[in-house]
Amino acid sequence: MLKVIPVEEAVGLPLAHDITEIVPGKHKGPAFRRGHVVQPQDISKLLDVGKAHIYVMELEKDELHEEDAARRLAKAAAGPNIRLTDPVEGRVNLVAQISGLLKVDSDLLYRFNSLGDLILATLPENRYVRQGDVLAGTRTIPVAVKEELIQRAEALCKDRPIVTLLPMLMKRVHLVVTGSEVFTGRIEDGFEPVVSRKVSEMGSNVESVKLAPDDPDVIAGHIKNAHRAGADVILVSGGMSVDPDDKTPEGIRRSGAKVETHGFPVLPGSMFLMAYLDQTPVMGLSGCVLHDPFTAFDALLPRLLAGERVTRADIMALGHGGLQRKHDH
């Protein structure tokens, strides 16, 4: 139960919750923390931040303070490899303890938020996150809530967490660069430096790079050799459009790989191809990887390096949010 009293009568009493100060364009944060005992000199600042009255809390035995509730909500929602922050202004953050692939159970998240008087907000799932990134934040809406509400939220997450962080695995990546102009040395390959950088940032490495002319049989041979050599992921770059000179898709098919889809609902990256040779993913990359900072390659690489199998259905689902904007990344 909360009591509201005039700020002038609050001297000597502990604050029931954080009081926020906002300086437009500069600062937003707690001016006073929960539990701070109000001093005579605090009255002026409390009035400055718009607090003519403050809350004094007398919790009933079946009630929880927002900070205690937020701690329990965060603990329920978080899976392994995630640490919880201390509450600030009633909010607890879920923070990545490792770099990895973020997974969010969106159905469970919807049910959690639908309980009312509490919220959990997350980053979009299936993105690569770095150690220290904030993945989600949770809090209650009122300063005090019934413990029964928190118990219902905890029961929802009893069998599985809402926010999960999968570790990146050390994958052996092989790259086949196609194009007669590269194969003959007329132009320098630009794919290898870009692909190697992105793969190594996620903890794996490109251990083999082969150049192939625009010949489907040669391309297929390199893919089969990579498979025999134990590649975990095979990337084939260049020549992915439907132009007569672009032979890469046919080369991937001739390797024996089963094509999930040629054509992604992602821009840039619409000409990408996803296939599997036995259990090994084979991804055909178009030229946009060379000049666009975020493409379908960036959307799917973390999932492949975390060991996920990417199906046609997964790729078709990328259309929602598939229009990439350069300034977002």
C-alpha atoms as a PDB file:
ATOM      1  CA  MET A   1       0.000   0.000   0.000  1.00  0.00           C
ATOM      2  CA  LEU A   2       1.274   3.467  -0.891  1.00  0.00           C
ATOM      3  CA  LYS A   3       0.687   6.686   0.961  1.00  0.00           C
ATOM      4  CA  VAL A   4       1.140  10.038  -0.723  1.00  0.00           C
ATOM      5  CA  ILE A   5       2.358  12.902   1.459  1.00  0.00           C
ATOM      6  CA  PRO A   6       3.430  16.493   0.733  1.00  0.00           C
ATOM      7  CA  VAL A   7       7.176  16.708   0.145  1.00  0.00           C
ATOM      8  CA  GLU A   8       7.568  19.226   2.998  1.00  0.00           C
ATOM      9  CA  GLU A   9       6.392  16.525   5.421  1.00  0.00           C
ATOM     10  CA  ALA A  10       8.823  13.903   4.104  1.00  0.00           C
ATOM     11  CA  VAL A  11      11.949  14.983   5.995  1.00  0.00           C
ATOM     12  CA  GLY A  12      13.352  11.963   7.822  1.00  0.00           C
ATOM     13  CA  LEU A  13      11.382   9.422   5.775  1.00  0.00           C
ATOM     14  CA  PRO A  14      12.884   6.964   3.236  1.00  0.00           C
ATOM     15  CA  LEU A  15      11.803   7.291  -0.394  1.00  0.00           C
ATOM     16  CA  ALA A  16       9.692   4.414  -1.678  1.00  0.00           C
ATOM     17  CA  HIS A  17      11.197   4.476  -5.188  1.00  0.00           C
ATOM     18  CA  ASP A  18      13.780   6.189  -7.349  1.00  0.00           C
ATOM     19  CA  ILE A  19      12.963   9.759  -8.359  1.00  0.00           C
ATOM     20  CA  THR A  20      14.028  10.642 -11.882  1.00  0.00           C
ATOM     21  CA  GLU A  21      15.606  13.852 -13.068  1.00  0.00           C
ATOM     22  CA  ILE A  22      15.450  14.770 -16.753  1.00  0.00           C
ATOM     23  CA  VAL A  23      17.663  17.413 -18.328  1.00  0.00           C
ATOM     24  CA  PRO A  24      16.518  17.611 -21.996  1.00  0.00           C
ATOM     25  CA  GLY A  25      19.234  16.553 -24.404  1.00  0.00           C
ATOM     26  CA  LYS A  26      21.741  15.904 -21.630  1.00  0.00           C
ATOM     27  CA  HIS A  27      20.717  13.555 -18.893  1.00  0.00           C
ATOM     28  CA  LYS A  28      18.029  11.235 -17.575  1.00  0.00           C
ATOM     29  CA  GLY A  29      18.639   9.371 -14.365  1.00  0.00           C
ATOM     30  CA  PRO A  30      17.771   9.027 -10.716  1.00  0.00           C
ATOM     31  CA  ALA A  31      18.032  12.245  -8.717  1.00  0.00           C
ATOM     32  CA  PHE A  32      17.350  10.266  -5.543  1.00  0.00           C
ATOM     33  CA  ARG A  33      17.499   6.522  -4.988  1.00  0.00           C
ATOM     34  CA  ARG A  34      14.912   4.367  -3.285  1.00  0.00           C
ATOM     35  CA  GLY A  35      15.596   4.309   0.453  1.00  0.00           C
ATOM     36  CA  HIS A  36      17.207   7.753   0.511  1.00  0.00           C
ATOM     37  CA  VAL A  37      16.199   9.495   3.743  1.00  0.00           C
ATOM     38  CA  VAL A  38      14.879  12.937   2.826  1.00  0.00           C
ATOM     39  CA  GLN A  39      16.911  15.816   4.287  1.00  0.00           C
ATOM     40  CA  PRO A  40      15.738  19.425   4.669  1.00  0.00           C
ATOM     41  CA  GLN A  41      18.102  20.509   1.876  1.00  0.00           C
ATOM     42  CA  ASP A  42      16.502  17.947  -0.504  1.00  0.00           C
ATOM     43  CA  ILE A  43      13.096  19.664  -0.526  1.00  0.00           C
ATOM     44  CA  SER A  44      14.100  22.303  -3.088  1.00  0.00           C
ATOM     45  CA  LYS A  45      15.462  19.734  -5.569  1.00  0.00           C
ATOM     46  CA  LEU A  46      12.431  17.478  -5.143  1.00  0.00           C
ATOM     47  CA  LEU A  47      10.221  20.415  -6.024  1.00  0.00           C
ATOM     48  CA  ASP A  48      12.493  21.219  -9.003  1.00  0.00           C
ATOM     49  CA  VAL A  49      11.949  17.732 -10.473  1.00  0.00           C
ATOM     50  CA  GLY A  50       8.192  18.091 -10.099  1.00  0.00           C
ATOM     51  CA  LYS A  51       7.687  16.207  -6.850  1.00  0.00           C
ATOM     52  CA  ALA A  52       5.302  18.242  -4.706  1.00  0.00           C
ATOM     53  CA  HIS A  53       4.220  14.924  -3.183  1.00  0.00           C
ATOM     54  CA  ILE A  54       6.153  11.707  -2.656  1.00  0.00           C
ATOM     55  CA  TYR A  55       5.262   8.106  -1.992  1.00  0.00           C
ATOM     56  CA  VAL A  56       5.786   6.453   1.353  1.00  0.00           C
ATOM     57  CA  MET A  57       5.339   2.725   1.155  1.00  0.00           C
ATOM     58  CA  GLU A  58       3.664   0.380   3.561  1.00  0.00           C
ATOM     59  CA  LEU A  59       3.614  -2.970   1.776  1.00  0.00           C
ATOM     60  CA  GLU A  60       0.925  -5.502   2.554  1.00  0.00           C
ATOM     61  CA  LYS A  61       2.180  -9.030   3.161  1.00  0.00           C
ATOM     62  CA  ASP A  62       1.021 -10.118  -0.322  1.00  0.00           C
ATOM     63  CA  GLU A  63       2.707  -7.185  -2.126  1.00  0.00           C
ATOM     64  CA  LEU A  64       6.153  -6.704  -3.642  1.00  0.00           C
ATOM     65  CA  HIS A  65       8.102  -3.527  -4.255  1.00  0.00           C
ATOM     66  CA  GLU A  66       8.878  -2.838  -7.941  1.00  0.00           C
ATOM     67  CA  GLU A  67      12.599  -3.551  -7.495  1.00  0.00           C
ATOM     68  CA  ASP A  68      12.083  -6.938  -5.840  1.00  0.00           C
ATOM     69  CA  ALA A  69       9.453  -7.796  -8.447  1.00  0.00           C
ATOM     70  CA  ALA A  70      11.739  -6.788 -11.348  1.00  0.00           C
ATOM     71  CA  ARG A  71      14.557  -8.958  -9.998  1.00  0.00           C
ATOM     72  CA  ARG A  72      12.256 -11.972  -9.936  1.00  0.00           C
ATOM     73  CA  LEU A  73      10.834 -11.242 -13.399  1.00  0.00           C
ATOM     74  CA  ALA A  74      14.327 -10.944 -14.878  1.00  0.00           C
ATOM     75  CA  LYS A  75      15.489 -14.142 -13.219  1.00  0.00           C
ATOM     76  CA  ALA A  76      12.473 -16.013 -14.589  1.00  0.00           C
ATOM     77  CA  ALA A  77      12.868 -14.696 -18.138  1.00  0.00           C
ATOM     78  CA  ALA A  78      16.649 -15.157 -18.522  1.00  0.00           C
ATOM     79  CA  GLY A  79      18.374 -18.289 -19.769  1.00  0.00           C
ATOM     80  CA  PRO A  80      22.055 -19.258 -19.406  1.00  0.00           C
ATOM     81  CA  ASN A  81      24.920 -16.879 -20.271  1.00  0.00           C
ATOM     82  CA  ILE A  82      22.902 -13.847 -19.148  1.00  0.00           C
ATOM     83  CA  ARG A  83      23.538 -11.691 -16.076  1.00  0.00           C
ATOM     84  CA  LEU A  84      21.070  -9.384 -14.368  1.00  0.00           C
ATOM     85  CA  THR A  85      21.766  -5.794 -13.351  1.00  0.00           C
ATOM     86  CA  ASP A  86      20.683  -4.205 -10.113  1.00  0.00           C
ATOM     87  CA  PRO A  87      17.423  -2.265 -10.439  1.00  0.00           C
ATOM     88  CA  VAL A  88      17.612   1.361 -11.564  1.00  0.00           C
ATOM     89  CA  GLU A  89      14.362   3.305 -11.432  1.00  0.00           C
ATOM     90  CA  GLY A  90      12.584  -0.016 -11.056  1.00  0.00           C
ATOM     91  CA  ARG A  91      14.137  -1.605 -14.160  1.00  0.00           C
ATOM     92  CA  VAL A  92      16.398  -4.659 -14.342  1.00  0.00           C
ATOM     93  CA  ASN A  93      18.392  -5.334 -17.527  1.00  0.00           C
ATOM     94  CA  LEU A  94      19.398  -8.705 -18.952  1.00  0.00           C
ATOM     95  CA  VAL A  95      23.001  -8.428 -20.169  1.00  0.00           C
ATOM     96  CA  ALA A  96      25.035 -10.808 -22.354  1.00  0.00           C
ATOM     97  CA  GLN A  97      27.801 -12.553 -20.411  1.00  0.00           C
ATOM     98  CA  ILE A  98      29.244 -13.927 -23.662  1.00  0.00           C
ATOM     99  CA  SER A  99      29.062 -13.042 -27.341  1.00  0.00           C
ATOM    100  CA  GLY A 100      26.509 -15.216 -29.080  1.00  0.00           C
ATOM    101  CA  LEU A 101      23.216 -15.674 -30.912  1.00  0.00           C
ATOM    102  CA  LEU A 102      20.179 -14.123 -29.246  1.00  0.00           C
ATOM    103  CA  LYS A 103      16.994 -16.216 -29.230  1.00  0.00           C
ATOM    104  CA  VAL A 104      13.627 -14.927 -28.014  1.00  0.00           C
ATOM    105  CA  ASP A 105      10.525 -17.068 -27.476  1.00  0.00           C
ATOM    106  CA  SER A 106       8.116 -14.542 -28.973  1.00  0.00           C
ATOM    107  CA  ASP A 107       4.950 -16.480 -28.079  1.00  0.00           C
ATOM    108  CA  LEU A 108       6.024 -16.754 -24.449  1.00  0.00           C
ATOM    109  CA  LEU A 109       7.049 -13.082 -24.454  1.00  0.00           C
ATOM    110  CA  TYR A 110       3.556 -12.119 -25.656  1.00  0.00           C
ATOM    111  CA  ARG A 111       1.916 -14.162 -22.915  1.00  0.00           C
ATOM    112  CA  PHE A 112       4.281 -12.700 -20.314  1.00  0.00           C
ATOM    113  CA  ASN A 113       3.489  -9.106 -21.309  1.00  0.00           C
ATOM    114  CA  SER A 114      -0.218  -9.885 -21.537  1.00  0.00           C
ATOM    115  CA  LEU A 115      -0.350 -10.588 -17.791  1.00  0.00           C
ATOM    116  CA  GLY A 116      -0.584  -6.814 -17.278  1.00  0.00           C
ATOM    117  CA  ASP A 117       1.192  -4.459 -14.854  1.00  0.00           C
ATOM    118  CA  LEU A 118       4.597  -5.759 -15.986  1.00  0.00           C
ATOM    119  CA  ILE A 119       6.700  -5.558 -19.143  1.00  0.00           C
ATOM    120  CA  LEU A 120       9.643  -7.294 -20.767  1.00  0.00           C
ATOM    121  CA  ALA A 121      11.177  -5.619 -23.849  1.00  0.00           C
ATOM    122  CA  THR A 122      13.853  -7.426 -25.883  1.00  0.00           C
ATOM    123  CA  LEU A 123      16.102  -6.897 -28.872  1.00  0.00           C
ATOM    124  CA  PRO A 124      14.943  -8.660 -32.058  1.00  0.00           C
ATOM    125  CA  GLU A 125      15.992 -12.307 -31.993  1.00  0.00           C
ATOM    126  CA  ASN A 126      18.514 -14.129 -34.174  1.00  0.00           C
ATOM    127  CA  ARG A 127      21.014 -11.311 -34.055  1.00  0.00           C
ATOM    128  CA  TYR A 128      24.634 -11.638 -33.057  1.00  0.00           C
ATOM    129  CA  VAL A 129      25.230  -9.830 -29.782  1.00  0.00           C
ATOM    130  CA  ARG A 130      28.481  -9.019 -28.047  1.00  0.00           C
ATOM    131  CA  GLN A 131      29.443  -9.605 -24.440  1.00  0.00           C
ATOM    132  CA  GLY A 132      28.095  -6.710 -22.391  1.00  0.00           C
ATOM    133  CA  ASP A 133      25.191  -5.881 -24.729  1.00  0.00           C
ATOM    134  CA  VAL A 134      21.820  -5.246 -23.091  1.00  0.00           C
ATOM    135  CA  LEU A 135      19.442  -7.909 -24.438  1.00  0.00           C
ATOM    136  CA  ALA A 136      16.251  -7.010 -22.606  1.00  0.00           C
ATOM    137  CA  GLY A 137      14.787  -4.958 -19.791  1.00  0.00           C
ATOM    138  CA  THR A 138      11.932  -5.700 -17.403  1.00  0.00           C
ATOM    139  CA  ARG A 139       9.950  -3.825 -14.769  1.00  0.00           C
ATOM    140  CA  THR A 140       6.517  -3.539 -13.225  1.00  0.00           C
ATOM    141  CA  ILE A 141       4.255  -0.630 -14.111  1.00  0.00           C
ATOM    142  CA  PRO A 142       3.057   0.181 -10.559  1.00  0.00           C
ATOM    143  CA  VAL A 143       5.507   0.778  -7.709  1.00  0.00           C
ATOM    144  CA  ALA A 144       3.933  -2.118  -5.809  1.00  0.00           C
ATOM    145  CA  VAL A 145       2.345  -5.271  -7.254  1.00  0.00           C
ATOM    146  CA  LYS A 146       0.657  -8.328  -5.878  1.00  0.00           C
ATOM    147  CA  GLU A 147       3.109 -11.176  -5.443  1.00  0.00           C
ATOM    148  CA  GLU A 148       0.578 -13.465  -7.127  1.00  0.00           C
ATOM    149  CA  LEU A 149       1.164 -11.609 -10.424  1.00  0.00           C
ATOM    150  CA  ILE A 150       4.897 -12.264 -10.253  1.00  0.00           C
ATOM    151  CA  GLN A 151       4.247 -15.904  -9.421  1.00  0.00           C
ATOM    152  CA  ARG A 152       2.120 -16.199 -12.557  1.00  0.00           C
ATOM    153  CA  ALA A 153       4.975 -14.751 -14.639  1.00  0.00           C
ATOM    154  CA  GLU A 154       7.445 -17.167 -13.023  1.00  0.00           C
ATOM    155  CA  ALA A 155       5.109 -20.096 -13.742  1.00  0.00           C
ATOM    156  CA  LEU A 156       5.033 -19.141 -17.446  1.00  0.00           C
ATOM    157  CA  CYS A 157       8.821 -19.465 -17.589  1.00  0.00           C
ATOM    158  CA  LYS A 158       9.010 -22.613 -15.466  1.00  0.00           C
ATOM    159  CA  ASP A 159       9.844 -24.927 -18.369  1.00  0.00           C
ATOM    160  CA  ARG A 160      11.803 -22.568 -20.611  1.00  0.00           C
ATOM    161  CA  PRO A 161      13.207 -19.035 -20.488  1.00  0.00           C
ATOM    162  CA  ILE A 162      12.050 -16.243 -22.779  1.00  0.00           C
ATOM    163  CA  VAL A 163      15.512 -14.851 -23.563  1.00  0.00           C
ATOM    164  CA  THR A 164      18.277 -17.298 -24.459  1.00  0.00           C
ATOM    165  CA  LEU A 165      21.866 -16.681 -25.542  1.00  0.00           C
ATOM    166  CA  LEU A 166      23.521 -19.429 -27.587  1.00  0.00           C
ATOM    167  CA  PRO A 167      27.327 -19.536 -27.656  1.00  0.00           C
ATOM    168  CA  MET A 168      29.057 -19.231 -31.005  1.00  0.00           C
ATOM    169  CA  LEU A 169      30.842 -22.422 -32.035  1.00  0.00           C
ATOM    170  CA  MET A 170      34.278 -22.615 -33.624  1.00  0.00           C
ATOM    171  CA  LYS A 171      33.277 -23.485 -37.191  1.00  0.00           C
ATOM    172  CA  ARG A 172      35.543 -24.381 -40.103  1.00  0.00           C
ATOM    173  CA  VAL A 173      34.436 -22.154 -42.979  1.00  0.00           C
ATOM    174  CA  HIS A 174      35.515 -22.767 -46.591  1.00  0.00           C
ATOM    175  CA  LEU A 175      35.065 -20.085 -49.245  1.00  0.00           C
ATOM    176  CA  VAL A 176      34.817 -20.668 -53.003  1.00  0.00           C
ATOM    177  CA  VAL A 177      35.119 -17.435 -55.004  1.00  0.00           C
ATOM    178  CA  THR A 178      33.689 -17.747 -58.503  1.00  0.00           C
ATOM    179  CA  GLY A 179      34.173 -15.589 -61.572  1.00  0.00           C
ATOM    180  CA  SER A 180      36.552 -15.972 -64.490  1.00  0.00           C
ATOM    181  CA  GLU A 181      37.684 -12.354 -64.087  1.00  0.00           C
ATOM    182  CA  VAL A 182      38.965 -13.192 -60.581  1.00  0.00           C
ATOM    183  CA  PHE A 183      40.221 -16.664 -61.514  1.00  0.00           C
ATOM    184  CA  THR A 184      42.389 -15.294 -64.326  1.00  0.00           C
ATOM    185  CA  GLY A 185      43.712 -12.474 -62.156  1.00  0.00           C
ATOM    186  CA  ARG A 186      42.146  -9.668 -64.176  1.00  0.00           C
ATOM    187  CA  ILE A 187      40.648  -8.274 -60.966  1.00  0.00           C
ATOM    188  CA  GLU A 188      41.484  -8.902 -57.337  1.00  0.00           C
ATOM    189  CA  ASP A 189      39.005 -10.870 -55.232  1.00  0.00           C
ATOM    190  CA  GLY A 190      37.140  -8.622 -52.791  1.00  0.00           C
ATOM    191  CA  PHE A 191      35.023 -11.316 -51.135  1.00  0.00           C
ATOM    192  CA  GLU A 192      37.708 -13.029 -49.051  1.00  0.00           C
ATOM    193  CA  PRO A 193      38.665 -10.010 -46.863  1.00  0.00           C
ATOM    194  CA  VAL A 194      35.020  -9.113 -46.163  1.00  0.00           C
ATOM    195  CA  VAL A 195      33.902 -12.678 -45.452  1.00  0.00           C
ATOM    196  CA  SER A 196      36.986 -13.489 -43.349  1.00  0.00           C
ATOM    197  CA  ARG A 197      36.528 -10.400 -41.201  1.00  0.00           C
ATOM    198  CA  LYS A 198      32.875 -11.119 -40.492  1.00  0.00           C
ATOM    199  CA  VAL A 199      33.508 -14.801 -39.768  1.00  0.00           C
ATOM    200  CA  SER A 200      36.456 -14.098 -37.458  1.00  0.00           C
ATOM    201  CA  GLU A 201      34.491 -11.447 -35.534  1.00  0.00           C
ATOM    202  CA  MET A 202      32.136 -14.252 -34.509  1.00  0.00           C
ATOM    203  CA  GLY A 203      34.885 -16.604 -33.345  1.00  0.00           C
ATOM    204  CA  SER A 204      35.337 -18.841 -36.396  1.00  0.00           C
ATOM    205  CA  ASN A 205      37.808 -18.725 -39.261  1.00  0.00           C
ATOM    206  CA  VAL A 206      37.952 -19.082 -43.027  1.00  0.00           C
ATOM    207  CA  GLU A 207      40.473 -21.877 -43.351  1.00  0.00           C
ATOM    208  CA  SER A 208      40.354 -22.311 -47.123  1.00  0.00           C
ATOM    209  CA  VAL A 209      39.777 -19.993 -50.090  1.00  0.00           C
ATOM    210  CA  LYS A 210      39.539 -21.429 -53.620  1.00  0.00           C
ATOM    211  CA  LEU A 211      39.098 -19.498 -56.872  1.00  0.00           C
ATOM    212  CA  ALA A 212      36.924 -20.954 -59.628  1.00  0.00           C
ATOM    213  CA  PRO A 213      36.122 -19.833 -63.187  1.00  0.00           C
ATOM    214  CA  ASP A 214      32.509 -19.568 -64.400  1.00  0.00           C
ATOM    215  CA  ASP A 215      32.343 -23.324 -64.878  1.00  0.00           C
ATOM    216  CA  PRO A 216      29.672 -25.244 -62.928  1.00  0.00           C
ATOM    217  CA  ASP A 217      31.707 -28.465 -62.827  1.00  0.00           C
ATOM    218  CA  VAL A 218      34.792 -26.732 -61.385  1.00  0.00           C
ATOM    219  CA  ILE A 219      32.620 -24.916 -58.816  1.00  0.00           C
ATOM    220  CA  ALA A 220      30.935 -28.208 -57.880  1.00  0.00           C
ATOM    221  CA  GLY A 221      34.332 -29.867 -57.507  1.00  0.00           C
ATOM    222  CA  HIS A 222      35.535 -27.241 -55.034  1.00  0.00           C
ATOM    223  CA  ILE A 223      32.330 -27.595 -53.007  1.00  0.00           C
ATOM    224  CA  LYS A 224      32.687 -31.393 -52.839  1.00  0.00           C
ATOM    225  CA  ASN A 225      36.358 -31.081 -51.884  1.00  0.00           C
ATOM    226  CA  ALA A 226      35.465 -28.651 -49.090  1.00  0.00           C
ATOM    227  CA  HIS A 227      32.828 -31.096 -47.847  1.00  0.00           C
ATOM    228  CA  ARG A 228      35.336 -33.980 -47.876  1.00  0.00           C
ATOM    229  CA  ALA A 229      37.869 -31.805 -46.035  1.00  0.00           C
ATOM    230  CA  GLY A 230      35.450 -31.385 -43.127  1.00  0.00           C
ATOM    231  CA  ALA A 231      34.125 -27.875 -43.714  1.00  0.00           C
ATOM    232  CA  ASP A 232      31.319 -26.957 -41.311  1.00  0.00           C
ATOM    233  CA  VAL A 233      30.062 -24.111 -43.524  1.00  0.00           C
ATOM    234  CA  ILE A 234      30.710 -23.663 -47.276  1.00  0.00           C
ATOM    235  CA  LEU A 235      30.281 -20.188 -48.770  1.00  0.00           C
ATOM    236  CA  VAL A 236      30.248 -19.680 -52.534  1.00  0.00           C
ATOM    237  CA  SER A 237      30.524 -16.069 -53.662  1.00  0.00           C
ATOM    238  CA  GLY A 238      29.838 -14.322 -56.948  1.00  0.00           C
ATOM    239  CA  GLY A 239      27.778 -15.078 -60.041  1.00  0.00           C
ATOM    240  CA  MET A 240      24.468 -15.569 -58.251  1.00  0.00           C
ATOM    241  CA  SER A 241      22.026 -13.769 -60.579  1.00  0.00           C
ATOM    242  CA  VAL A 242      19.984 -15.308 -63.386  1.00  0.00           C
ATOM    243  CA  ASP A 243      22.284 -13.877 -66.073  1.00  0.00           C
ATOM    244  CA  PRO A 244      23.467 -16.514 -68.590  1.00  0.00           C
ATOM    245  CA  ASP A 245      27.114 -15.945 -67.529  1.00  0.00           C
ATOM    246  CA  ASP A 246      26.398 -16.590 -63.846  1.00  0.00           C
ATOM    247  CA  LYS A 247      27.120 -20.261 -63.238  1.00  0.00           C
ATOM    248  CA  THR A 248      27.334 -20.438 -59.433  1.00  0.00           C
ATOM    249  CA  PRO A 249      23.792 -21.731 -58.701  1.00  0.00           C
ATOM    250  CA  GLU A 250      24.237 -24.542 -61.217  1.00  0.00           C
ATOM    251  CA  GLY A 251      27.621 -25.369 -59.688  1.00  0.00           C
ATOM    252  CA  ILE A 252      26.036 -25.656 -56.246  1.00  0.00           C
ATOM    253  CA  ARG A 253      23.346 -27.987 -57.631  1.00  0.00           C
ATOM    254  CA  ARG A 254      25.907 -30.164 -59.448  1.00  0.00           C
ATOM    255  CA  SER A 255      27.786 -30.674 -56.187  1.00  0.00           C
ATOM    256  CA  GLY A 256      24.832 -32.729 -54.990  1.00  0.00           C
ATOM    257  CA  ALA A 257      23.656 -30.102 -52.534  1.00  0.00           C
ATOM    258  CA  LYS A 258      19.899 -29.904 -51.951  1.00  0.00           C
ATOM    259  CA  VAL A 259      18.707 -26.337 -52.558  1.00  0.00           C
ATOM    260  CA  GLU A 260      16.376 -24.932 -49.890  1.00  0.00           C
ATOM    261  CA  THR A 261      15.772 -21.736 -51.839  1.00  0.00           C
ATOM    262  CA  HIS A 262      17.360 -19.541 -54.509  1.00  0.00           C
ATOM    263  CA  GLY A 263      15.957 -16.130 -53.696  1.00  0.00           C
ATOM    264  CA  PHE A 264      15.696 -14.507 -50.274  1.00  0.00           C
ATOM    265  CA  PRO A 265      13.048 -11.947 -49.188  1.00  0.00           C
ATOM    266  CA  VAL A 266      15.909  -9.705 -48.022  1.00  0.00           C
ATOM    267  CA  LEU A 267      17.235  -6.530 -49.631  1.00  0.00           C
ATOM    268  CA  PRO A 268      20.143  -6.517 -50.225  1.00  0.00           C
ATOM    269  CA  GLY A 269      20.578 -10.263 -50.627  1.00  0.00           C
ATOM    270  CA  SER A 270      17.624 -11.278 -52.785  1.00  0.00           C
ATOM    271  CA  MET A 271      19.780 -13.434 -55.110  1.00  0.00           C
ATOM    272  CA  PHE A 272      21.229 -15.538 -52.293  1.00  0.00           C
ATOM    273  CA  LEU A 273      20.965 -19.319 -52.359  1.00  0.00           C
ATOM    274  CA  MET A 274      20.730 -21.685 -49.381  1.00  0.00           C
ATOM    275  CA  ALA A 275      21.499 -25.367 -49.808  1.00  0.00           C
ATOM    276  CA  TYR A 276      22.716 -28.370 -47.817  1.00  0.00           C
ATOM    277  CA  LEU A 277      25.240 -30.984 -48.901  1.00  0.00           C
ATOM    278  CA  ASP A 278      24.307 -33.782 -46.529  1.00  0.00           C
ATOM    279  CA  GLN A 279      24.213 -31.792 -43.244  1.00  0.00           C
ATOM    280  CA  THR A 280      26.684 -29.090 -44.323  1.00  0.00           C
ATOM    281  CA  PRO A 281      25.228 -25.671 -45.179  1.00  0.00           C
ATOM    282  CA  VAL A 282      26.200 -24.234 -48.562  1.00  0.00           C
ATOM    283  CA  MET A 283      25.318 -20.566 -49.029  1.00  0.00           C
ATOM    284  CA  GLY A 284      25.622 -18.717 -52.322  1.00  0.00           C
ATOM    285  CA  LEU A 285      26.457 -15.025 -51.816  1.00  0.00           C
ATOM    286  CA  SER A 286      25.793 -12.288 -54.349  1.00  0.00           C
ATOM    287  CA  GLY A 287      27.917  -9.207 -54.970  1.00  0.00           C
ATOM    288  CA  CYS A 288      26.064  -7.021 -52.458  1.00  0.00           C
ATOM    289  CA  VAL A 289      28.258  -8.554 -49.728  1.00  0.00           C
ATOM    290  CA  LEU A 290      31.148  -6.526 -51.151  1.00  0.00           C
ATOM    291  CA  HIS A 291      29.580  -3.090 -50.766  1.00  0.00           C
ATOM    292  CA  ASP A 292      26.566  -3.235 -48.421  1.00  0.00           C
ATOM    293  CA  PRO A 293      27.271  -3.234 -44.674  1.00  0.00           C
ATOM    294  CA  PHE A 294      24.357  -5.549 -43.804  1.00  0.00           C
ATOM    295  CA  THR A 295      22.904  -8.158 -46.131  1.00  0.00           C
ATOM    296  CA  ALA A 296      21.206 -11.553 -45.918  1.00  0.00           C
ATOM    297  CA  PHE A 297      24.711 -12.914 -45.226  1.00  0.00           C
ATOM    298  CA  ASP A 298      24.901 -10.951 -41.970  1.00  0.00           C
ATOM    299  CA  ALA A 299      21.363 -12.011 -41.031  1.00  0.00           C
ATOM    300  CA  LEU A 300      22.110 -15.730 -41.372  1.00  0.00           C
ATOM    301  CA  LEU A 301      25.831 -16.105 -40.617  1.00  0.00           C
ATOM    302  CA  PRO A 302      25.387 -15.991 -36.810  1.00  0.00           C
ATOM    303  CA  ARG A 303      22.784 -18.741 -36.988  1.00  0.00           C
ATOM    304  CA  LEU A 304      25.044 -20.973 -39.068  1.00  0.00           C
ATOM    305  CA  LEU A 305      28.027 -20.360 -36.775  1.00  0.00           C
ATOM    306  CA  ALA A 306      25.880 -21.155 -33.723  1.00  0.00           C
ATOM    307  CA  GLY A 307      25.080 -24.528 -35.306  1.00  0.00           C
ATOM    308  CA  GLU A 308      21.466 -23.881 -36.324  1.00  0.00           C
ATOM    309  CA  ARG A 309      20.001 -25.488 -39.423  1.00  0.00           C
ATOM    310  CA  VAL A 310      18.385 -22.774 -41.550  1.00  0.00           C
ATOM    311  CA  THR A 311      15.362 -24.010 -43.477  1.00  0.00           C
ATOM    312  CA  ARG A 312      13.381 -22.545 -46.354  1.00  0.00           C
ATOM    313  CA  ALA A 313      10.681 -21.559 -43.833  1.00  0.00           C
ATOM    314  CA  ASP A 314      13.271 -19.665 -41.748  1.00  0.00           C
ATOM    315  CA  ILE A 315      14.382 -17.758 -44.844  1.00  0.00           C
ATOM    316  CA  MET A 316      10.840 -16.918 -45.965  1.00  0.00           C
ATOM    317  CA  ALA A 317      10.201 -15.491 -42.472  1.00  0.00           C
ATOM    318  CA  LEU A 318      13.038 -12.976 -43.036  1.00  0.00           C
ATOM    319  CA  GLY A 319      10.772 -10.858 -45.257  1.00  0.00           C
ATOM    320  CA  HIS A 320       9.366  -9.051 -42.195  1.00  0.00           C
ATOM    321  CA  GLY A 321      12.280  -6.753 -41.418  1.00  0.00           C
ATOM    322  CA  GLY A 322      14.135  -7.906 -44.515  1.00  0.00           C
ATOM    323  CA  LEU A 323      14.546  -4.408 -45.945  1.00  0.00           C
ATOM    324  CA  GLN A 324      17.914  -3.365 -44.580  1.00  0.00           C
ATOM    325  CA  ARG A 325      18.839   0.297 -44.170  1.00  0.00           C
ATOM    326  CA  LYS A 326      22.487   1.274 -44.179  1.00  0.00           C
ATOM    327  CA  HIS A 327      22.205   3.703 -41.287  1.00  0.00           C
ATOM    328  CA  ASP A 328      20.797   0.955 -39.049  1.00  0.00           C
ATOM    329  CA  HIS A 329      24.056  -0.934 -39.032  1.00  0.00           C
END
